[in-house]
Amino acid sequence: MRRIHKRHRDPQRAFPAAECALCGGAVYRGEICWRMWGRVLCGACAGTWMANEAALWRMSAGEVAR
């Protein structure tokens, strides 16, 4: 019987799976990322981008119409 030894890949030598559209940082396989309208965003940029996009609907608690 022949044994096959699996080599574990070194994560430091891995190639990026994608590039963040905002910061240009590398997104590696297994990391959390977001695809918004064809653009890949890393986890750090996605929250900032979504907050800026939702700024049109931001208001104070006293401004809410009844």
PDB file of N, CA and C in Angstrom:
ATOM      1  N   MET A   1       0.845  -1.183   0.000  1.00  0.00           N
ATOM      2  CA  MET A   1       0.000   0.000   0.000  1.00  0.00           C
ATOM      3  C   MET A   1       0.888   1.243   0.000  1.00  0.00           C
ATOM      4  N   ARG A   2       0.536   2.180  -0.820  1.00  0.00           N
ATOM      5  CA  ARG A   2       1.338   3.392  -0.965  1.00  0.00           C
ATOM      6  C   ARG A   2       0.751   4.523  -0.124  1.00  0.00           C
ATOM      7  N   ARG A   3       1.584   5.219   0.591  1.00  0.00           N
ATOM      8  CA  ARG A   3       1.127   6.344   1.390  1.00  0.00           C
ATOM      9  C   ARG A   3       1.361   7.649   0.651  1.00  0.00           C
ATOM     10  N   ILE A   4       0.385   8.506   0.729  1.00  0.00           N
ATOM     11  CA  ILE A   4       0.509   9.824   0.114  1.00  0.00           C
ATOM     12  C   ILE A   4       0.532  10.845   1.237  1.00  0.00           C
ATOM     13  N   HIS A   5       1.617  11.559   1.342  1.00  0.00           N
ATOM     14  CA  HIS A   5       1.756  12.575   2.374  1.00  0.00           C
ATOM     15  C   HIS A   5       1.257  13.904   1.805  1.00  0.00           C
ATOM     16  N   LYS A   6       0.247  14.434   2.446  1.00  0.00           N
ATOM     17  CA  LYS A   6      -0.296  15.715   1.999  1.00  0.00           C
ATOM     18  C   LYS A   6       0.554  16.838   2.567  1.00  0.00           C
ATOM     19  N   ARG A   7       0.895  17.759   1.724  1.00  0.00           N
ATOM     20  CA  ARG A   7       1.641  18.918   2.171  1.00  0.00           C
ATOM     21  C   ARG A   7       0.661  20.030   2.508  1.00  0.00           C
ATOM     22  N   HIS A   8       0.840  20.613   3.651  1.00  0.00           N
ATOM     23  CA  HIS A   8       0.008  21.747   4.031  1.00  0.00           C
ATOM     24  C   HIS A   8       0.593  23.002   3.401  1.00  0.00           C
ATOM     25  N   ARG A   9      -0.284  23.746   2.769  1.00  0.00           N
ATOM     26  CA  ARG A   9       0.183  24.958   2.112  1.00  0.00           C
ATOM     27  C   ARG A   9       0.532  26.026   3.135  1.00  0.00           C
ATOM     28  N   ASP A  10       1.587  26.742   2.856  1.00  0.00           N
ATOM     29  CA  ASP A  10       2.006  27.836   3.712  1.00  0.00           C
ATOM     30  C   ASP A  10       1.151  29.057   3.381  1.00  0.00           C
ATOM     31  N   PRO A  11       0.343  29.559   4.346  1.00  0.00           N
ATOM     32  CA  PRO A  11      -0.537  30.694   4.039  1.00  0.00           C
ATOM     33  C   PRO A  11       0.228  31.967   3.688  1.00  0.00           C
ATOM     34  N   GLN A  12       1.479  32.071   4.098  1.00  0.00           N
ATOM     35  CA  GLN A  12       2.256  33.259   3.771  1.00  0.00           C
ATOM     36  C   GLN A  12       2.703  33.272   2.319  1.00  0.00           C
ATOM     37  N   ARG A  13       2.671  32.126   1.658  1.00  0.00           N
ATOM     38  CA  ARG A  13       3.082  32.047   0.259  1.00  0.00           C
ATOM     39  C   ARG A  13       1.892  31.964  -0.691  1.00  0.00           C
ATOM     40  N   ALA A  14       0.688  32.064  -0.158  1.00  0.00           N
ATOM     41  CA  ALA A  14      -0.515  31.937  -0.982  1.00  0.00           C
ATOM     42  C   ALA A  14      -0.716  33.181  -1.848  1.00  0.00           C
ATOM     43  N   PHE A  15      -1.277  32.968  -3.014  1.00  0.00           N
ATOM     44  CA  PHE A  15      -1.604  34.067  -3.899  1.00  0.00           C
ATOM     45  C   PHE A  15      -2.969  34.621  -3.521  1.00  0.00           C
ATOM     46  N   PRO A  16      -3.174  35.914  -3.633  1.00  0.00           N
ATOM     47  CA  PRO A  16      -4.488  36.488  -3.309  1.00  0.00           C
ATOM     48  C   PRO A  16      -5.558  35.987  -4.265  1.00  0.00           C
ATOM     49  N   ALA A  17      -6.752  35.777  -3.733  1.00  0.00           N
ATOM     50  CA  ALA A  17      -7.877  35.337  -4.556  1.00  0.00           C
ATOM     51  C   ALA A  17      -8.540  36.529  -5.239  1.00  0.00           C
ATOM     52  N   ALA A  18      -8.421  37.718  -4.623  1.00  0.00           N
ATOM     53  CA  ALA A  18      -9.021  38.923  -5.192  1.00  0.00           C
ATOM     54  C   ALA A  18      -8.299  40.139  -4.629  1.00  0.00           C
ATOM     55  N   GLU A  19      -8.688  41.298  -5.128  1.00  0.00           N
ATOM     56  CA  GLU A  19      -8.128  42.560  -4.658  1.00  0.00           C
ATOM     57  C   GLU A  19      -9.273  43.491  -4.298  1.00  0.00           C
ATOM     58  N   CYS A  20      -9.170  44.165  -3.158  1.00  0.00           N
ATOM     59  CA  CYS A  20     -10.216  45.087  -2.711  1.00  0.00           C
ATOM     60  C   CYS A  20     -10.278  46.269  -3.672  1.00  0.00           C
ATOM     61  N   ALA A  21     -11.484  46.642  -4.069  1.00  0.00           N
ATOM     62  CA  ALA A  21     -11.666  47.733  -5.029  1.00  0.00           C
ATOM     63  C   ALA A  21     -11.413  49.096  -4.392  1.00  0.00           C
ATOM     64  N   LEU A  22     -11.514  49.204  -3.070  1.00  0.00           N
ATOM     65  CA  LEU A  22     -11.317  50.502  -2.418  1.00  0.00           C
ATOM     66  C   LEU A  22      -9.882  50.719  -1.964  1.00  0.00           C
ATOM     67  N   CYS A  23      -9.344  49.796  -1.186  1.00  0.00           N
ATOM     68  CA  CYS A  23      -8.001  50.008  -0.628  1.00  0.00           C
ATOM     69  C   CYS A  23      -6.901  49.325  -1.444  1.00  0.00           C
ATOM     70  N   GLY A  24      -7.259  48.410  -2.333  1.00  0.00           N
ATOM     71  CA  GLY A  24      -6.265  47.718  -3.138  1.00  0.00           C
ATOM     72  C   GLY A  24      -5.575  46.587  -2.398  1.00  0.00           C
ATOM     73  N   GLY A  25      -6.050  46.271  -1.202  1.00  0.00           N
ATOM     74  CA  GLY A  25      -5.449  45.195  -0.414  1.00  0.00           C
ATOM     75  C   GLY A  25      -5.810  43.821  -0.956  1.00  0.00           C
ATOM     76  N   ALA A  26      -5.006  42.851  -0.605  1.00  0.00           N
ATOM     77  CA  ALA A  26      -5.219  41.485  -1.066  1.00  0.00           C
ATOM     78  C   ALA A  26      -6.274  40.798  -0.208  1.00  0.00           C
ATOM     79  N   VAL A  27      -7.127  40.026  -0.860  1.00  0.00           N
ATOM     80  CA  VAL A  27      -8.132  39.210  -0.183  1.00  0.00           C
ATOM     81  C   VAL A  27      -7.771  37.759  -0.487  1.00  0.00           C
ATOM     82  N   TYR A  28      -7.467  36.997   0.572  1.00  0.00           N
ATOM     83  CA  TYR A  28      -7.027  35.619   0.413  1.00  0.00           C
ATOM     84  C   TYR A  28      -8.192  34.659   0.566  1.00  0.00           C
ATOM     85  N   ARG A  29      -8.002  33.455   0.058  1.00  0.00           N
ATOM     86  CA  ARG A  29      -9.024  32.413   0.127  1.00  0.00           C
ATOM     87  C   ARG A  29      -9.390  32.147   1.585  1.00  0.00           C
ATOM     88  N   GLY A  30     -10.684  32.133   1.879  1.00  0.00           N
ATOM     89  CA  GLY A  30     -11.170  31.872   3.220  1.00  0.00           C
ATOM     90  C   GLY A  30     -11.450  33.131   4.030  1.00  0.00           C
ATOM     91  N   GLU A  31     -11.008  34.299   3.560  1.00  0.00           N
ATOM     92  CA  GLU A  31     -11.282  35.545   4.275  1.00  0.00           C
ATOM     93  C   GLU A  31     -12.680  36.049   3.944  1.00  0.00           C
ATOM     94  N   ILE A  32     -13.240  36.822   4.859  1.00  0.00           N
ATOM     95  CA  ILE A  32     -14.549  37.421   4.633  1.00  0.00           C
ATOM     96  C   ILE A  32     -14.393  38.594   3.663  1.00  0.00           C
ATOM     97  N   CYS A  33     -15.191  38.598   2.623  1.00  0.00           N
ATOM     98  CA  CYS A  33     -15.192  39.710   1.679  1.00  0.00           C
ATOM     99  C   CYS A  33     -16.615  39.888   1.158  1.00  0.00           C
ATOM    100  N   TRP A  34     -16.851  40.983   0.517  1.00  0.00           N
ATOM    101  CA  TRP A  34     -18.183  41.316   0.020  1.00  0.00           C
ATOM    102  C   TRP A  34     -18.093  41.645  -1.459  1.00  0.00           C
ATOM    103  N   ARG A  35     -19.047  41.172  -2.247  1.00  0.00           N
ATOM    104  CA  ARG A  35     -19.128  41.528  -3.663  1.00  0.00           C
ATOM    105  C   ARG A  35     -20.349  42.419  -3.831  1.00  0.00           C
ATOM    106  N   MET A  36     -20.112  43.658  -4.167  1.00  0.00           N
ATOM    107  CA  MET A  36     -21.167  44.650  -4.333  1.00  0.00           C
ATOM    108  C   MET A  36     -21.078  45.209  -5.752  1.00  0.00           C
ATOM    109  N   TRP A  37     -22.087  44.934  -6.556  1.00  0.00           N
ATOM    110  CA  TRP A  37     -22.174  45.410  -7.932  1.00  0.00           C
ATOM    111  C   TRP A  37     -20.899  45.115  -8.722  1.00  0.00           C
ATOM    112  N   GLY A  38     -20.408  43.907  -8.564  1.00  0.00           N
ATOM    113  CA  GLY A  38     -19.243  43.478  -9.326  1.00  0.00           C
ATOM    114  C   GLY A  38     -17.911  43.882  -8.734  1.00  0.00           C
ATOM    115  N   ARG A  39     -17.911  44.581  -7.610  1.00  0.00           N
ATOM    116  CA  ARG A  39     -16.676  45.004  -6.954  1.00  0.00           C
ATOM    117  C   ARG A  39     -16.463  44.163  -5.708  1.00  0.00           C
ATOM    118  N   VAL A  40     -15.237  43.739  -5.471  1.00  0.00           N
ATOM    119  CA  VAL A  40     -14.903  42.969  -4.279  1.00  0.00           C
ATOM    120  C   VAL A  40     -14.380  43.942  -3.231  1.00  0.00           C
ATOM    121  N   LEU A  41     -14.950  43.872  -2.019  1.00  0.00           N
ATOM    122  CA  LEU A  41     -14.527  44.718  -0.915  1.00  0.00           C
ATOM    123  C   LEU A  41     -14.043  43.846   0.228  1.00  0.00           C
ATOM    124  N   CYS A  42     -12.926  44.221   0.841  1.00  0.00           N
ATOM    125  CA  CYS A  42     -12.436  43.469   2.003  1.00  0.00           C
ATOM    126  C   CYS A  42     -13.324  43.787   3.205  1.00  0.00           C
ATOM    127  N   GLY A  43     -13.176  43.019   4.265  1.00  0.00           N
ATOM    128  CA  GLY A  43     -14.007  43.203   5.447  1.00  0.00           C
ATOM    129  C   GLY A  43     -13.845  44.572   6.083  1.00  0.00           C
ATOM    130  N   ALA A  44     -12.647  45.131   6.049  1.00  0.00           N
ATOM    131  CA  ALA A  44     -12.400  46.444   6.659  1.00  0.00           C
ATOM    132  C   ALA A  44     -13.069  47.566   5.870  1.00  0.00           C
ATOM    133  N   CYS A  45     -13.059  47.484   4.568  1.00  0.00           N
ATOM    134  CA  CYS A  45     -13.623  48.552   3.730  1.00  0.00           C
ATOM    135  C   CYS A  45     -15.134  48.424   3.558  1.00  0.00           C
ATOM    136  N   ALA A  46     -15.675  47.230   3.685  1.00  0.00           N
ATOM    137  CA  ALA A  46     -17.102  47.018   3.422  1.00  0.00           C
ATOM    138  C   ALA A  46     -17.973  47.801   4.396  1.00  0.00           C
ATOM    139  N   GLY A  47     -17.624  47.817   5.673  1.00  0.00           N
ATOM    140  CA  GLY A  47     -18.421  48.539   6.660  1.00  0.00           C
ATOM    141  C   GLY A  47     -18.430  50.034   6.402  1.00  0.00           C
ATOM    142  N   THR A  48     -17.276  50.601   6.096  1.00  0.00           N
ATOM    143  CA  THR A  48     -17.170  52.027   5.796  1.00  0.00           C
ATOM    144  C   THR A  48     -17.948  52.368   4.542  1.00  0.00           C
ATOM    145  N   TRP A  49     -17.832  51.535   3.520  1.00  0.00           N
ATOM    146  CA  TRP A  49     -18.507  51.812   2.256  1.00  0.00           C
ATOM    147  C   TRP A  49     -20.026  51.752   2.432  1.00  0.00           C
ATOM    148  N   MET A  50     -20.496  50.750   3.184  1.00  0.00           N
ATOM    149  CA  MET A  50     -21.938  50.623   3.399  1.00  0.00           C
ATOM    150  C   MET A  50     -22.483  51.781   4.231  1.00  0.00           C
ATOM    151  N   ALA A  51     -21.718  52.246   5.215  1.00  0.00           N
ATOM    152  CA  ALA A  51     -22.146  53.392   6.018  1.00  0.00           C
ATOM    153  C   ALA A  51     -22.233  54.653   5.167  1.00  0.00           C
ATOM    154  N   ASN A  52     -21.315  54.846   4.255  1.00  0.00           N
ATOM    155  CA  ASN A  52     -21.347  56.019   3.369  1.00  0.00           C
ATOM    156  C   ASN A  52     -22.515  55.945   2.390  1.00  0.00           C
ATOM    157  N   GLU A  53     -22.817  54.748   1.897  1.00  0.00           N
ATOM    158  CA  GLU A  53     -23.931  54.591   0.965  1.00  0.00           C
ATOM    159  C   GLU A  53     -25.277  54.819   1.654  1.00  0.00           C
ATOM    160  N   ALA A  54     -25.365  54.460   2.932  1.00  0.00           N
ATOM    161  CA  ALA A  54     -26.615  54.607   3.672  1.00  0.00           C
ATOM    162  C   ALA A  54     -26.739  55.980   4.335  1.00  0.00           C
ATOM    163  N   ALA A  55     -25.807  56.878   4.074  1.00  0.00           N
ATOM    164  CA  ALA A  55     -25.819  58.200   4.713  1.00  0.00           C
ATOM    165  C   ALA A  55     -27.040  59.026   4.311  1.00  0.00           C
ATOM    166  N   LEU A  56     -27.646  58.730   3.184  1.00  0.00           N
ATOM    167  CA  LEU A  56     -28.830  59.474   2.745  1.00  0.00           C
ATOM    168  C   LEU A  56     -30.003  59.284   3.696  1.00  0.00           C
ATOM    169  N   TRP A  57     -30.061  58.140   4.363  1.00  0.00           N
ATOM    170  CA  TRP A  57     -31.182  57.825   5.237  1.00  0.00           C
ATOM    171  C   TRP A  57     -30.860  58.030   6.725  1.00  0.00           C
ATOM    172  N   ARG A  58     -29.690  58.615   7.001  1.00  0.00           N
ATOM    173  CA  ARG A  58     -29.287  58.831   8.397  1.00  0.00           C
ATOM    174  C   ARG A  58     -30.004  60.058   8.946  1.00  0.00           C
ATOM    175  N   MET A  59     -30.511  59.961  10.185  1.00  0.00           N
ATOM    176  CA  MET A  59     -31.176  61.083  10.821  1.00  0.00           C
ATOM    177  C   MET A  59     -31.059  60.946  12.331  1.00  0.00           C
ATOM    178  N   SER A  60     -31.378  62.009  13.039  1.00  0.00           N
ATOM    179  CA  SER A  60     -31.395  61.985  14.506  1.00  0.00           C
ATOM    180  C   SER A  60     -32.733  61.428  14.971  1.00  0.00           C
ATOM    181  N   ALA A  61     -32.778  60.978  16.220  1.00  0.00           N
ATOM    182  CA  ALA A  61     -34.014  60.392  16.748  1.00  0.00           C
ATOM    183  C   ALA A  61     -35.130  61.418  16.815  1.00  0.00           C
ATOM    184  N   GLY A  62     -34.838  62.689  17.006  1.00  0.00           N
ATOM    185  CA  GLY A  62     -35.856  63.723  17.082  1.00  0.00           C
ATOM    186  C   GLY A  62     -36.411  64.123  15.730  1.00  0.00           C
ATOM    187  N   GLU A  63     -35.744  63.737  14.625  1.00  0.00           N
ATOM    188  CA  GLU A  63     -36.177  64.119  13.288  1.00  0.00           C
ATOM    189  C   GLU A  63     -37.195  63.171  12.691  1.00  0.00           C
ATOM    190  N   VAL A  64     -37.475  62.067  13.340  1.00  0.00           N
ATOM    191  CA  VAL A  64     -38.371  61.057  12.786  1.00  0.00           C
ATOM    192  C   VAL A  64     -39.798  61.599  12.755  1.00  0.00           C
ATOM    193  N   ALA A  65     -40.392  61.583  11.589  1.00  0.00           N
ATOM    194  CA  ALA A  65     -41.767  62.074  11.428  1.00  0.00           C
ATOM    195  C   ALA A  65     -42.744  61.023  11.954  1.00  0.00           C
ATOM    196  N   ARG A  66     -43.840  61.514  12.529  1.00  0.00           N
ATOM    197  CA  ARG A  66     -44.836  60.586  13.067  1.00  0.00           C
ATOM    198  C   ARG A  66     -45.950  60.370  12.095  1.00  0.00           C
TER     199      ARG A  66
END
